[in-house]
């Protein structure tokens, strides 16, 4: 009986820990295209198909360029 309680408590604690960690993961989105305009934290990107996209960046965003 005690073993079942310990295992249940451990499983419950693990679920809570995993949920908390996954909720804190930053959202990553990759965008490919040419930066047409920069206005503060907002980029106007022209995609490979020519379609424009507006991207709002976080304050700690990482931008990588390929030549």
N, C-alpha and C. Protein backbone atom coordinates (compact mmCIF):
# COMPACT_ATOMS: atom_id res chain seq x y z
N UNK A 1 0.83 -1.20 0.00
CA UNK A 1 0.00 0.00 0.00
C UNK A 1 0.87 1.27 0.00
N UNK A 2 1.92 1.27 0.83
CA UNK A 2 2.80 2.44 0.87
C UNK A 2 3.55 2.61 -0.44
N UNK A 3 3.92 1.52 -1.08
CA UNK A 3 4.64 1.59 -2.34
C UNK A 3 3.78 2.25 -3.41
N UNK A 4 2.50 1.93 -3.43
CA UNK A 4 1.58 2.53 -4.40
C UNK A 4 1.46 4.03 -4.15
N UNK A 5 1.38 4.43 -2.92
CA UNK A 5 1.30 5.87 -2.59
C UNK A 5 2.57 6.59 -3.01
N UNK A 6 3.73 5.98 -2.76
CA UNK A 6 4.99 6.61 -3.12
C UNK A 6 5.10 6.75 -4.64
N UNK A 7 4.76 5.69 -5.36
CA UNK A 7 4.82 5.74 -6.81
C UNK A 7 3.83 6.75 -7.39
N UNK A 8 2.64 6.82 -6.82
CA UNK A 8 1.64 7.78 -7.28
C UNK A 8 2.12 9.20 -7.03
N UNK A 9 2.67 9.45 -5.88
CA UNK A 9 3.18 10.78 -5.54
C UNK A 9 4.34 11.16 -6.46
N UNK A 10 5.24 10.20 -6.72
CA UNK A 10 6.38 10.47 -7.60
C UNK A 10 5.91 10.76 -9.02
N UNK A 11 4.92 10.00 -9.50
CA UNK A 11 4.39 10.23 -10.85
C UNK A 11 3.73 11.59 -10.94
N UNK A 12 2.96 11.95 -9.93
CA UNK A 12 2.30 13.25 -9.91
C UNK A 12 3.31 14.39 -9.90
N UNK A 13 4.37 14.26 -9.10
CA UNK A 13 5.41 15.29 -9.03
C UNK A 13 6.14 15.41 -10.37
N UNK A 14 6.36 14.28 -11.03
CA UNK A 14 7.02 14.31 -12.33
C UNK A 14 6.17 15.02 -13.37
N UNK A 15 4.88 14.75 -13.38
CA UNK A 15 3.98 15.40 -14.33
C UNK A 15 3.97 16.90 -14.12
N UNK A 16 3.92 17.34 -12.89
CA UNK A 16 3.93 18.77 -12.59
C UNK A 16 5.25 19.40 -13.02
N UNK A 17 6.38 18.73 -12.77
CA UNK A 17 7.68 19.27 -13.14
C UNK A 17 7.82 19.37 -14.66
N UNK A 18 7.38 18.36 -15.39
CA UNK A 18 7.47 18.37 -16.85
C UNK A 18 6.57 19.45 -17.42
N UNK A 19 5.40 19.63 -16.88
CA UNK A 19 4.48 20.66 -17.35
C UNK A 19 5.08 22.05 -17.13
N UNK A 20 5.68 22.28 -15.98
CA UNK A 20 6.28 23.58 -15.68
C UNK A 20 7.45 23.87 -16.61
N UNK A 21 8.28 22.88 -16.90
CA UNK A 21 9.42 23.09 -17.77
C UNK A 21 8.97 23.34 -19.19
N UNK A 22 7.99 22.58 -19.67
CA UNK A 22 7.54 22.77 -21.05
C UNK A 22 6.84 24.10 -21.24
N UNK A 23 6.23 24.63 -20.21
CA UNK A 23 5.55 25.92 -20.31
C UNK A 23 6.56 27.07 -20.42
N UNK A 24 7.79 26.86 -19.97
CA UNK A 24 8.79 27.91 -19.97
C UNK A 24 9.67 27.89 -21.23
N UNK A 25 9.49 26.94 -22.12
CA UNK A 25 10.29 26.87 -23.33
C UNK A 25 9.94 28.03 -24.25
N UNK A 26 10.96 28.73 -24.75
CA UNK A 26 10.67 29.83 -25.67
C UNK A 26 10.17 29.30 -27.01
N UNK A 27 9.32 30.07 -27.63
CA UNK A 27 8.79 29.68 -28.93
C UNK A 27 9.81 30.05 -30.00
N UNK A 28 10.15 29.07 -30.83
CA UNK A 28 11.10 29.29 -31.90
C UNK A 28 10.39 29.14 -33.23
N UNK A 29 10.60 30.09 -34.10
CA UNK A 29 10.01 30.01 -35.42
C UNK A 29 11.06 30.45 -36.42
N UNK A 30 11.29 29.62 -37.42
CA UNK A 30 12.27 29.95 -38.45
C UNK A 30 11.56 30.59 -39.64
N UNK A 31 12.17 31.66 -40.14
CA UNK A 31 11.61 32.38 -41.28
C UNK A 31 12.74 32.53 -42.30
N UNK A 32 12.43 32.22 -43.53
CA UNK A 32 13.43 32.38 -44.59
C UNK A 32 12.94 33.45 -45.55
N UNK A 33 13.83 34.38 -45.88
CA UNK A 33 13.47 35.43 -46.81
C UNK A 33 14.45 36.58 -46.73
N UNK A 34 14.11 37.65 -47.39
CA UNK A 34 14.93 38.85 -47.41
C UNK A 34 14.27 39.90 -46.53
N UNK A 35 15.06 40.49 -45.64
CA UNK A 35 14.53 41.56 -44.78
C UNK A 35 14.40 42.81 -45.63
N UNK A 36 13.18 43.27 -45.79
CA UNK A 36 12.89 44.46 -46.59
C UNK A 36 12.90 45.73 -45.76
N UNK A 37 12.44 45.63 -44.49
CA UNK A 37 12.31 46.82 -43.65
C UNK A 37 12.42 46.40 -42.19
N UNK A 38 13.05 47.26 -41.39
CA UNK A 38 13.16 47.05 -39.94
C UNK A 38 12.57 48.26 -39.26
N UNK A 39 11.65 48.02 -38.33
CA UNK A 39 11.04 49.10 -37.55
C UNK A 39 10.97 48.66 -36.10
N UNK A 40 12.00 48.99 -35.32
CA UNK A 40 12.05 48.54 -33.93
C UNK A 40 12.23 47.03 -33.87
N UNK A 41 11.28 46.34 -33.22
CA UNK A 41 11.31 44.89 -33.12
C UNK A 41 10.45 44.22 -34.18
N UNK A 42 10.07 44.95 -35.20
CA UNK A 42 9.22 44.40 -36.26
C UNK A 42 10.00 44.38 -37.58
N UNK A 43 9.96 43.22 -38.24
CA UNK A 43 10.63 43.06 -39.52
C UNK A 43 9.59 42.82 -40.60
N UNK A 44 9.82 43.39 -41.77
CA UNK A 44 9.03 43.06 -42.95
C UNK A 44 9.93 42.17 -43.79
N UNK A 45 9.53 40.91 -43.95
CA UNK A 45 10.35 39.91 -44.65
C UNK A 45 9.64 39.50 -45.92
N UNK A 46 10.40 39.46 -47.02
CA UNK A 46 9.87 38.98 -48.29
C UNK A 46 10.32 37.54 -48.45
N UNK A 47 9.36 36.62 -48.46
CA UNK A 47 9.65 35.20 -48.53
C UNK A 47 10.17 34.76 -49.88
N UNK A 48 10.63 33.50 -49.97
CA UNK A 48 11.16 32.98 -51.24
C UNK A 48 10.13 33.00 -52.37
N UNK A 49 8.85 32.92 -52.01
CA UNK A 49 7.79 32.96 -53.02
C UNK A 49 7.34 34.38 -53.34
N UNK A 50 7.97 35.37 -52.69
CA UNK A 50 7.64 36.76 -52.93
C UNK A 50 6.57 37.32 -52.01
N UNK A 51 5.98 36.47 -51.18
CA UNK A 51 4.94 36.92 -50.27
C UNK A 51 5.55 37.65 -49.08
N UNK A 52 4.99 38.81 -48.72
CA UNK A 52 5.51 39.54 -47.56
C UNK A 52 5.01 38.93 -46.26
N UNK A 53 5.84 39.02 -45.22
CA UNK A 53 5.46 38.55 -43.89
C UNK A 53 5.96 39.58 -42.88
N UNK A 54 5.14 39.88 -41.89
CA UNK A 54 5.54 40.77 -40.81
C UNK A 54 5.89 39.91 -39.61
N UNK A 55 7.08 40.12 -39.06
CA UNK A 55 7.58 39.32 -37.95
C UNK A 55 7.86 40.25 -36.78
N UNK A 56 7.26 39.96 -35.63
CA UNK A 56 7.54 40.70 -34.40
C UNK A 56 8.55 39.90 -33.58
N UNK A 57 9.64 40.54 -33.21
CA UNK A 57 10.71 39.86 -32.50
C UNK A 57 10.63 40.10 -31.01
N UNK A 58 11.08 39.10 -30.25
CA UNK A 58 11.24 39.26 -28.81
C UNK A 58 12.46 40.14 -28.57
N UNK A 59 12.59 40.66 -27.36
CA UNK A 59 13.72 41.52 -27.04
C UNK A 59 15.05 40.79 -27.14
N UNK A 60 15.06 39.47 -26.90
CA UNK A 60 16.31 38.70 -26.93
C UNK A 60 16.39 37.80 -28.16
N UNK A 61 15.80 38.21 -29.27
CA UNK A 61 15.77 37.39 -30.49
C UNK A 61 17.17 37.27 -31.09
N UNK A 62 17.41 36.11 -31.72
CA UNK A 62 18.67 35.87 -32.41
C UNK A 62 18.38 35.82 -33.90
N UNK A 63 19.12 36.61 -34.66
CA UNK A 63 18.93 36.65 -36.11
C UNK A 63 20.21 36.15 -36.75
N UNK A 64 20.08 35.21 -37.68
CA UNK A 64 21.24 34.63 -38.36
C UNK A 64 21.08 34.91 -39.84
N UNK A 65 22.14 35.41 -40.44
CA UNK A 65 22.12 35.70 -41.87
C UNK A 65 22.97 34.71 -42.64
N UNK A 66 22.54 34.38 -43.84
CA UNK A 66 23.27 33.49 -44.73
C UNK A 66 23.51 34.24 -46.03
N UNK A 67 24.74 34.26 -46.47
CA UNK A 67 25.09 34.95 -47.72
C UNK A 67 25.25 33.97 -48.85
